[in-house]
Amino acid sequence: MDNILNKVHKRVLNEMLNTPDRLKGESAGKVIDADQKLRKAIAEFYAALEEARNPDVAVELLADHAAIIVEMIREFKSRK
């Protein structure tokens, strides 16, 4: 599963960098850097949740983060 997600991620980043109307230059670098940091933080967060061995808390925290991401998606979609 990880391999599939990495391939999708790589394709999206390649499209972002190689399409004229997408992010370029410094903006693209900032997005890629932030994306890599976020992915690392998510992996560390998941490991900490696993270590805590409390599925109820894990689900609650993950749901909160998912809600934040959904709101960000809605905000960006409203700007189209």
Protein backbone atom coordinates (compact mmCIF):
# COMPACT_ATOMS: atom_id res chain seq x y z
CA MET A 1 0.00 0.00 0.00
CA ASP A 2 2.82 2.42 0.88
CA ASN A 3 4.39 1.88 -2.53
CA ILE A 4 1.13 2.71 -4.32
CA LEU A 5 0.68 5.88 -2.26
CA ASN A 6 4.26 6.94 -2.96
CA LYS A 7 3.72 6.46 -6.71
CA VAL A 8 0.55 8.55 -6.61
CA HIS A 9 2.31 11.22 -4.56
CA LYS A 10 5.25 11.33 -6.96
CA ARG A 11 2.89 11.63 -9.96
CA VAL A 12 0.99 14.50 -8.34
CA LEU A 13 4.21 16.34 -7.50
CA ASN A 14 5.55 15.82 -11.04
CA GLU A 15 2.32 17.19 -12.50
CA MET A 16 2.45 20.13 -10.11
CA LEU A 17 5.98 21.03 -11.19
CA ASN A 18 5.61 20.34 -14.91
CA THR A 19 2.30 22.02 -15.68
CA PRO A 20 2.43 25.71 -16.65
CA ASP A 21 -0.52 26.75 -14.47
CA ARG A 22 0.76 24.94 -11.38
CA LEU A 23 3.23 26.06 -8.71
CA LYS A 24 6.69 26.98 -9.90
CA GLY A 25 10.02 27.94 -8.46
CA GLU A 26 10.16 28.95 -4.84
CA SER A 27 6.46 28.24 -4.22
CA ALA A 28 6.82 24.69 -5.48
CA GLY A 29 9.89 24.16 -3.30
CA LYS A 30 8.05 25.39 -0.23
CA VAL A 31 5.07 23.15 -0.94
CA ILE A 32 7.27 20.10 -1.52
CA ASP A 33 9.31 20.78 1.63
CA ALA A 34 6.19 21.27 3.75
CA ASP A 35 4.61 18.16 2.23
CA GLN A 36 7.64 16.04 3.11
CA LYS A 37 7.68 17.38 6.68
CA LEU A 38 3.95 16.75 7.05
CA ARG A 39 4.26 13.17 5.79
CA LYS A 40 7.09 12.53 8.26
CA ALA A 41 5.06 14.05 11.10
CA ILE A 42 2.04 11.94 10.14
CA ALA A 43 4.17 8.78 10.22
CA GLU A 44 5.54 9.75 13.65
CA PHE A 45 2.02 10.57 14.86
CA TYR A 46 0.76 7.19 13.71
CA ALA A 47 3.64 5.43 15.47
CA ALA A 48 2.89 7.34 18.69
CA LEU A 49 -0.79 6.41 18.44
CA GLU A 50 0.15 2.76 17.93
CA GLU A 51 2.46 2.90 20.94
CA ALA A 52 -0.29 4.44 23.09
CA ARG A 53 -2.54 1.43 22.36
CA ASN A 54 -5.75 3.38 22.81
CA PRO A 55 -7.91 3.02 19.69
CA ASP A 56 -10.62 5.35 21.02
CA VAL A 57 -8.18 8.22 21.46
CA ALA A 58 -6.51 7.42 18.13
CA VAL A 59 -9.80 7.53 16.25
CA GLU A 60 -10.81 10.78 17.95
CA LEU A 61 -7.52 12.50 17.16
CA LEU A 62 -7.43 11.21 13.59
CA ALA A 63 -11.02 12.33 13.03
CA ASP A 64 -10.14 15.82 14.29
CA HIS A 65 -7.25 16.02 11.82
CA ALA A 66 -9.41 14.68 9.00
CA ALA A 67 -11.99 17.37 9.74
CA ILE A 68 -9.30 20.05 9.54
CA ILE A 69 -8.14 18.73 6.17
CA VAL A 70 -11.71 18.58 4.85
CA GLU A 71 -12.19 22.22 5.83
CA MET A 72 -8.97 23.18 4.02
CA ILE A 73 -10.16 21.32 0.92
CA ARG A 74 -13.49 23.15 1.05
CA GLU A 75 -11.70 26.48 1.36
CA PHE A 76 -9.53 25.82 -1.69
CA LYS A 77 -12.45 24.49 -3.73
CA SER A 78 -14.42 27.65 -2.96
CA ARG A 79 -11.67 29.68 -4.62
CA LYS A 80 -11.92 27.92 -7.99
